Protein backbone atom coordinates (compact mmCIF):
# COMPACT_ATOMS: atom_id res chain seq x y z
CA MET A 1 136.71 -62.34 -114.08
CA ASP A 2 138.55 -60.15 -116.63
CA LEU A 3 137.18 -61.63 -119.80
CA ILE A 4 139.27 -58.92 -121.86
CA PRO A 5 142.50 -60.46 -123.52
CA THR A 6 145.88 -59.20 -123.42
CA LEU A 7 147.78 -57.40 -126.35
CA SER A 8 149.59 -60.20 -127.83
CA THR A 9 146.28 -62.05 -128.43
CA TYR A 10 146.22 -59.96 -131.68
CA PRO A 11 148.73 -60.17 -134.36
CA ASP A 12 150.32 -57.04 -135.89
CA GLU A 13 148.37 -56.64 -139.11
CA THR A 14 148.17 -54.08 -141.84
CA ASN A 15 145.13 -51.49 -141.42
CA LEU A 16 142.93 -49.94 -143.52
CA THR A 17 143.09 -46.23 -143.87
CA PHE A 18 140.94 -43.36 -145.62
CA PHE A 19 142.76 -44.54 -149.17
CA ASP A 20 143.23 -47.97 -147.62
CA LEU A 21 146.83 -47.90 -148.84
CA TRP A 22 148.44 -47.40 -145.44
CA ASP A 23 150.79 -50.04 -143.86
CA ASP A 24 152.75 -50.20 -140.62
CA ASP A 25 156.30 -50.98 -142.18
CA GLU A 26 158.78 -47.74 -142.42
CA LYS A 27 161.89 -47.61 -143.85
CA GLU A 28 164.35 -44.91 -143.21
CA GLY A 29 163.17 -41.22 -143.98
CA SER A 30 159.37 -42.24 -144.06
CA TRP A 31 159.04 -40.38 -141.47
CA GLU A 32 159.90 -37.03 -142.80
CA VAL A 33 157.94 -37.52 -145.86
CA LYS A 34 154.95 -38.11 -143.95
CA PHE A 35 155.32 -35.46 -141.99
CA VAL A 36 155.91 -33.28 -144.61
CA ALA A 37 152.86 -34.28 -146.69
CA TYR A 38 150.41 -35.12 -144.16
CA GLY A 39 151.47 -32.61 -141.23
CA VAL A 40 152.30 -29.70 -143.63
CA VAL A 41 151.30 -29.87 -146.79
CA LEU A 42 147.58 -31.38 -146.46
CA PRO A 43 146.67 -29.31 -143.77
CA VAL A 44 147.35 -26.56 -145.75
CA LEU A 45 145.31 -27.58 -148.61
CA VAL A 46 142.36 -28.97 -146.30
CA CYS A 47 142.12 -25.35 -145.29
CA ALA A 48 142.29 -23.47 -148.38
CA GLY A 49 139.97 -26.24 -149.66
CA VAL A 50 137.37 -25.92 -146.95
CA LEU A 51 137.14 -22.22 -147.27
CA GLY A 52 136.72 -22.30 -151.26
CA ASP A 53 134.23 -25.00 -151.15
CA VAL A 54 132.22 -22.95 -148.37
CA LEU A 55 132.38 -19.99 -150.61
CA ASN A 56 131.50 -22.09 -153.86
CA LEU A 57 128.66 -22.88 -152.08
CA VAL A 58 127.67 -19.50 -151.32
CA VAL A 59 128.38 -18.13 -154.86
CA LEU A 60 126.73 -20.52 -156.80
CA THR A 61 123.34 -20.52 -154.50
CA ARG A 62 122.80 -16.83 -155.95
CA PRO A 63 119.73 -16.12 -157.71
CA ASN A 64 121.82 -15.49 -161.31
CA MET A 65 123.54 -19.04 -160.87
CA ASN A 66 120.45 -20.89 -161.64
CA GLY A 67 121.19 -23.11 -164.95
CA ALA A 68 121.54 -26.78 -165.19
CA ALA A 69 125.31 -26.52 -165.34
CA TYR A 70 125.50 -24.65 -161.86
CA ILE A 71 123.14 -27.43 -160.25
CA TYR A 72 126.01 -29.75 -160.77
CA MET A 73 128.48 -27.48 -159.77
CA ARG A 74 126.85 -26.99 -156.61
CA GLY A 75 126.83 -30.80 -156.15
CA TYR A 76 130.68 -31.01 -156.84
CA ALA A 77 131.09 -27.90 -154.52
CA ALA A 78 129.38 -30.08 -151.68
CA ALA A 79 130.93 -33.42 -152.41
CA SER A 80 134.43 -31.75 -152.57
CA LEU A 81 134.01 -30.29 -148.89
CA PHE A 82 132.92 -33.27 -147.25
CA ALA A 83 135.88 -35.30 -149.04
CA LEU A 84 138.58 -32.81 -147.90
CA LEU A 85 136.54 -33.23 -144.02
CA CYS A 86 137.23 -36.63 -144.29
CA ALA A 87 140.89 -36.07 -144.93
CA VAL A 88 141.22 -34.66 -141.49
CA PRO A 89 140.79 -37.48 -139.38
CA PHE A 90 143.10 -39.55 -142.50
CA SER A 91 145.68 -37.27 -141.61
CA HIS A 92 145.58 -37.17 -138.03
CA ARG A 93 145.92 -40.86 -137.97
CA ALA A 94 148.99 -41.18 -140.56
CA LEU A 95 150.94 -39.13 -137.78
CA THR A 96 150.12 -40.18 -134.56
CA HIS A 97 147.48 -43.32 -134.57
CA GLU A 98 149.06 -45.64 -137.74
CA ALA A 99 149.17 -48.46 -135.44
CA GLY A 100 145.65 -48.62 -134.96
CA ARG A 101 145.03 -48.31 -131.34
CA TRP A 102 143.03 -45.80 -129.73
CA SER A 103 142.08 -45.27 -125.68
CA SER A 104 138.36 -44.79 -127.02
CA TYR A 105 136.25 -47.51 -128.52
CA TYR A 106 134.02 -44.65 -130.29
CA VAL A 107 137.03 -43.27 -131.98
CA ALA A 108 138.29 -46.29 -133.07
CA ALA A 109 134.86 -47.43 -134.36
CA PHE A 110 134.75 -44.29 -136.19
CA HIS A 111 138.14 -44.97 -137.80
CA ALA A 112 137.00 -48.37 -138.40
CA HIS A 113 133.63 -47.94 -139.85
CA VAL A 114 133.20 -44.42 -140.97
CA VAL A 115 136.43 -42.55 -142.26
CA LEU A 116 136.92 -44.95 -145.01
CA TYR A 117 133.43 -45.48 -146.09
CA PHE A 118 132.51 -41.71 -146.29
CA GLY A 119 135.78 -40.62 -147.26
CA ASN A 120 135.67 -42.67 -150.30
CA SER A 121 131.74 -42.27 -150.80
CA CYS A 122 132.84 -38.52 -151.55
CA ILE A 123 135.45 -38.72 -153.37
CA GLY A 124 133.16 -40.99 -155.69
CA ILE A 125 130.42 -38.43 -155.86
CA GLY A 126 132.24 -35.68 -156.64
CA VAL A 127 133.80 -37.69 -159.45
CA VAL A 128 130.13 -38.50 -161.06
CA MET A 129 129.02 -35.06 -160.37
CA LEU A 130 132.11 -33.59 -162.42
CA LEU A 131 131.09 -36.33 -165.14
CA ALA A 132 127.39 -35.20 -164.93
CA LEU A 133 128.63 -31.93 -165.65
CA THR A 134 130.73 -32.51 -168.16
CA VAL A 135 127.99 -34.79 -170.17
CA GLU A 136 125.44 -31.76 -169.85
CA ARG A 137 128.17 -29.45 -171.39
CA PHE A 138 128.75 -31.94 -174.10
CA VAL A 139 125.03 -32.36 -175.01
CA SER A 140 124.39 -28.71 -175.15
CA VAL A 141 127.44 -27.75 -177.38
CA CYS A 142 127.83 -31.32 -179.35
CA HIS A 143 123.85 -31.68 -179.45
CA PRO A 144 121.98 -28.52 -179.01
CA THR A 145 118.66 -29.91 -180.48
CA GLN A 146 118.21 -32.32 -177.60
CA ALA A 147 119.88 -29.66 -174.81
CA ARG A 148 116.22 -28.87 -173.75
CA THR A 149 114.77 -32.00 -173.18
CA VAL A 150 118.17 -33.76 -171.81
CA CYS A 151 119.66 -30.62 -170.01
CA GLY A 152 116.73 -29.06 -167.90
CA ALA A 153 117.33 -27.61 -164.60
CA THR A 154 114.88 -30.29 -163.14
CA ARG A 155 116.57 -33.16 -164.57
CA ALA A 156 119.85 -31.89 -163.33
CA ARG A 157 118.29 -31.27 -159.58
CA ILE A 158 116.80 -34.93 -159.60
CA THR A 159 120.48 -36.39 -160.81
CA VAL A 160 121.99 -34.35 -158.08
CA ALA A 161 119.92 -35.87 -155.33
CA VAL A 162 120.62 -39.28 -156.62
CA ILE A 163 123.86 -39.31 -157.34
CA PRO A 164 124.74 -39.30 -153.64
CA LEU A 165 122.23 -41.93 -152.33
CA ALA A 166 123.73 -44.30 -155.56
CA THR A 167 127.15 -43.79 -154.37
CA PHE A 168 126.86 -44.39 -150.70
CA ILE A 169 124.88 -47.62 -151.18
CA LEU A 170 127.56 -48.63 -153.68
CA ASN A 171 130.48 -47.98 -151.17
CA SER A 172 128.37 -50.10 -148.12
CA PRO A 173 130.69 -53.02 -148.24
CA TYR A 174 133.38 -50.53 -146.86
CA LEU A 175 131.41 -49.93 -143.78
CA PHE A 176 132.18 -53.81 -142.83
CA LEU A 177 136.10 -54.33 -143.98
CA ALA A 178 137.19 -53.66 -140.14
CA HIS A 179 136.08 -54.00 -136.92
CA VAL A 180 137.05 -52.80 -132.97
CA VAL A 181 138.81 -55.41 -130.68
CA SER A 182 139.83 -54.41 -127.26
CA CYS A 183 142.72 -55.86 -125.47
CA ARG A 184 144.74 -54.81 -122.17
CA THR A 185 148.34 -53.72 -122.51
CA GLU A 186 151.23 -55.29 -120.13
CA THR A 187 150.72 -51.61 -117.74
CA GLY A 188 146.95 -53.02 -117.33
CA SER A 189 145.52 -50.28 -119.29
CA VAL A 190 142.62 -51.05 -122.22
CA VAL A 191 143.12 -50.37 -125.66
CA HIS A 192 140.77 -50.73 -128.72
CA MET A 193 142.41 -51.54 -132.04
CA GLU A 194 141.13 -51.47 -135.54
CA ARG A 195 141.45 -54.80 -137.27
CA GLN A 196 140.54 -56.34 -140.52
CA THR A 197 137.99 -58.19 -141.04
CA SER A 198 139.63 -60.94 -142.71
CA TRP A 199 136.89 -63.21 -144.24
CA VAL A 200 135.49 -59.92 -146.24
CA VAL A 201 138.98 -58.53 -147.44
CA ARG A 202 140.38 -61.60 -148.54
CA SER A 203 137.06 -62.87 -150.14
CA VAL A 204 137.20 -63.45 -153.74
CA TRP A 205 133.87 -61.33 -154.45
CA PHE A 206 135.36 -58.41 -152.49
CA GLN A 207 138.87 -57.96 -154.76
CA VAL A 208 136.38 -58.02 -157.52
CA TYR A 209 134.46 -55.66 -156.35
CA LYS A 210 137.31 -53.52 -155.58
CA TRP A 211 138.67 -53.58 -158.81
CA VAL A 212 135.23 -52.81 -160.37
CA LEU A 213 135.12 -49.79 -157.91
CA GLU A 214 138.41 -48.70 -158.63
CA VAL A 215 138.07 -48.80 -162.59
CA GLY A 216 134.34 -47.57 -162.72
CA LEU A 217 135.00 -44.26 -160.54
CA LYS A 218 138.56 -43.40 -161.27
CA LEU A 219 139.85 -44.77 -165.07
CA VAL A 220 136.50 -44.78 -166.94
CA PRO A 221 135.86 -41.30 -165.75
CA ALA A 222 139.20 -39.98 -166.46
CA LEU A 223 139.03 -41.22 -170.09
CA ILE A 224 135.76 -40.30 -170.29
CA LEU A 225 136.27 -37.07 -169.63
CA LEU A 226 139.16 -36.67 -171.80
CA TYR A 227 137.12 -37.46 -174.80
CA LEU A 228 134.57 -35.23 -174.41
CA ASN A 229 136.53 -32.62 -173.44
CA VAL A 230 138.17 -32.88 -176.77
CA ARG A 231 134.80 -33.30 -178.55
CA ILE A 232 133.39 -30.20 -176.72
CA ILE A 233 136.51 -27.77 -177.86
CA ILE A 234 136.34 -29.30 -181.42
CA THR A 235 132.74 -28.47 -181.58
CA TYR A 236 132.66 -25.45 -180.02
CA ARG A 237 135.58 -23.95 -182.14
CA ALA A 238 133.44 -25.00 -185.11
CA VAL A 239 130.48 -23.49 -183.99
CA CYS A 240 132.28 -20.40 -183.35
CA GLU A 241 133.88 -19.80 -186.55
CA LYS A 242 130.38 -20.92 -188.32
CA ARG A 243 128.98 -17.99 -186.58
CA ARG A 244 131.48 -15.54 -187.63
CA ARG A 245 131.06 -16.62 -191.13
CA MET A 246 127.36 -16.14 -191.28
CA THR A 247 126.68 -13.72 -188.79
CA LYS A 248 128.12 -9.70 -189.37
CA LYS A 249 126.88 -8.39 -186.87
CA VAL A 250 125.91 -10.15 -183.34
CA ARG A 251 123.46 -8.74 -180.96
CA GLY A 252 124.27 -7.84 -177.49
CA ASP A 253 122.47 -10.68 -176.00
CA GLN A 254 123.75 -13.32 -178.57
CA ARG A 255 127.05 -11.67 -177.73
CA ARG A 256 126.21 -12.32 -173.86
CA GLN A 257 125.08 -15.89 -174.48
CA TYR A 258 128.45 -16.73 -176.66
CA ALA A 259 130.86 -15.46 -174.07
CA GLU A 260 128.73 -17.44 -171.27
CA GLU A 261 129.05 -20.35 -173.41
CA SER A 262 132.80 -19.95 -173.81
CA ARG A 263 133.36 -19.18 -170.18
CA LEU A 264 131.55 -22.26 -168.90
CA MET A 265 133.88 -24.19 -171.45
CA MET A 266 136.96 -23.05 -170.36
CA LEU A 267 136.01 -23.52 -166.39
CA LEU A 268 135.01 -27.13 -167.48
CA GLY A 269 138.21 -27.87 -169.18
CA GLY A 270 140.13 -26.30 -166.47
CA THR A 271 137.99 -28.50 -163.66
CA SER A 272 138.55 -31.34 -165.73
CA THR A 273 142.21 -31.06 -166.31
CA LEU A 274 142.90 -30.73 -162.87
CA PHE A 275 140.88 -33.87 -162.10
CA PHE A 276 143.04 -35.87 -164.82
CA LEU A 277 146.30 -34.78 -163.73
CA CYS A 278 145.48 -35.07 -159.44
CA MET A 279 143.43 -38.26 -159.64
CA SER A 280 145.62 -40.38 -162.43
CA PRO A 281 148.55 -40.84 -159.56
CA MET A 282 145.95 -42.61 -157.02
CA PHE A 283 144.79 -45.10 -159.99
CA VAL A 284 148.26 -46.11 -160.94
CA LEU A 285 148.93 -46.25 -157.56
CA SER A 286 146.31 -48.81 -156.83
CA LEU A 287 147.53 -50.84 -159.59
CA THR A 288 151.43 -50.94 -158.90
CA ILE A 289 150.85 -51.42 -155.04
CA HIS A 290 152.70 -54.62 -154.18
CA HIS A 291 154.40 -55.60 -150.78
CA ALA A 292 157.65 -56.52 -152.29
CA TRP A 293 158.50 -52.56 -152.84
CA THR A 294 155.95 -50.79 -149.94
CA ASN A 295 158.90 -50.16 -147.65
CA THR A 296 161.12 -48.49 -150.28
CA LEU A 297 161.28 -44.57 -149.58
CA ALA A 298 160.25 -43.89 -153.20
CA PHE A 299 157.02 -45.84 -152.85
CA GLN A 300 156.49 -43.80 -149.44
CA ILE A 301 157.13 -40.54 -151.86
CA PHE A 302 154.95 -41.78 -154.25
CA ARG A 303 152.09 -42.83 -152.30
CA ALA A 304 152.31 -39.17 -149.85
CA THR A 305 152.47 -37.38 -153.31
CA ALA A 306 149.14 -39.40 -154.96
CA ASN A 307 147.47 -38.75 -151.71
CA VAL A 308 148.11 -34.89 -151.68
CA LEU A 309 147.10 -34.78 -154.98
CA GLU A 310 143.93 -36.29 -154.74
CA VAL A 311 143.25 -33.63 -151.87
CA THR A 312 144.57 -30.93 -154.34
CA ASN A 313 141.92 -32.01 -156.89
CA PHE A 314 139.13 -31.31 -154.27
CA ALA A 315 140.94 -28.46 -152.73
CA ALA A 316 141.33 -26.22 -156.07
CA THR A 317 137.71 -26.08 -157.25
CA PHE A 318 136.91 -22.19 -155.74
CA TYR A 319 140.01 -20.71 -157.53
CA ILE A 320 139.88 -22.61 -160.98
CA TYR A 321 136.33 -20.68 -160.91
CA CYS A 322 137.79 -17.50 -160.21
CA ILE A 323 140.11 -17.92 -163.04
CA PHE A 324 137.75 -19.20 -165.87
CA SER A 325 134.51 -17.89 -165.01
CA LYS A 326 133.73 -14.07 -164.91
CA ASP A 327 130.21 -14.87 -163.82
CA PHE A 328 131.29 -16.65 -160.81
CA ARG A 329 134.19 -13.77 -159.92
CA ASP A 330 131.25 -11.21 -160.53
CA THR A 331 128.58 -12.97 -158.44
CA PHE A 332 131.65 -13.55 -155.56
CA LEU A 333 132.47 -9.94 -155.38
CA ARG A 334 129.14 -8.42 -155.65
CA THR A 335 127.91 -11.08 -153.01
CA LEU A 336 130.79 -9.70 -150.64
CA ARG A 337 129.99 -5.94 -151.67
CA THR A 338 126.19 -6.84 -150.37
CA THR A 339 127.74 -7.18 -147.05
CA LYS A 340 130.83 -4.63 -147.02
CA ASP A 341 129.52 -3.28 -143.44
CA SER A 342 130.24 -6.58 -141.92
CA PRO A 343 134.01 -6.30 -140.24
CA MET A 344 134.67 -10.00 -141.93
CA ALA A 345 133.52 -8.91 -145.37
CA VAL A 346 135.59 -5.70 -145.22
CA SER A 347 138.68 -7.66 -144.86
CA ILE A 348 137.75 -10.37 -147.21
CA LEU A 349 137.16 -7.26 -149.57
CA GLY A 350 140.33 -5.99 -148.82
CA SER A 351 142.26 -9.11 -149.73
CA VAL A 352 140.68 -9.94 -152.97
CA SER A 353 140.99 -6.39 -154.23
CA GLY A 354 144.20 -7.45 -155.73
CA LEU A 355 142.94 -10.71 -156.75
CA ARG A 356 140.41 -9.19 -159.13
CA GLU A 357 142.82 -7.11 -160.63
CA ALA A 358 145.16 -9.68 -161.81
CA ILE A 359 142.49 -11.67 -163.08
CA LYS A 360 140.47 -9.04 -164.88
CA VAL A 361 142.16 -9.68 -168.22
CA THR A 362 141.10 -13.03 -168.42
């Protein structure tokens, strides 16, 4: 007896995706929007971002990159790398399997239980890592007397280890938002479909949980980052002005310390600004999504733009570091020189020589 139900047994319904924002309804022109966003722009960003984050981890593990701030930067780079990798199945599904049907049960289970959970977790880890880095810089600049006890390397390593564990636990309900059902088509073949677990998705506790998580990992960090960076810039300028008035002649080691602090502040400001600009549209999208207008082309464009910007935030960190941190650039180029006998390194050195000259003035 064939116990597999037919396809008509299961009504069509909205399926969950990586960003939990995709539905099956489309208007004229939506395919072009999807193709440009997820078939052209997003793959380019993912490739550039994966390469950049791998280089980040290589550079940030050099012996001279051993401060507490660099430890948080390593954690942020690792989280960005995994978030970008999760965007690959998301973009593939958006273009080819948006209906949530696969011939392989294991692929269907992967999309139903792993992609959304792991992707949201990695995004959350990256956000918290950036927030921890900003707090470390805030304490170092605005409360230097407490920096030794609060901003040590040991504390940073513990924090970087705890953040992923806590974030994965916090996002664990996403493991149960969907399940896989198998059914037989009219041609007799078996397909496996992802379907929402309705009693979880429609429950009051999950709706509250989802909004608290959205606000806690997007809106609140963005506001805190904005506030702390303004405080850091104001305090740092005041400290620099006081140093210039009190010290007519600065020793070489002091000058290097001041320069490093200035570069770290600029790097942090650039990274935080990028985060604020790229993550804000996704939060706005989460607040304004409504079935009455999700079918419009304008909404499709806004949704695709928000998704692409969110990926851009994690794809651009290496390039932000290269622009704003001379120490990072020097370490990167020095690392390449140590392997200059490698054919790959020779090719990379040739391609970045122009970049070095272009950014030498920064």
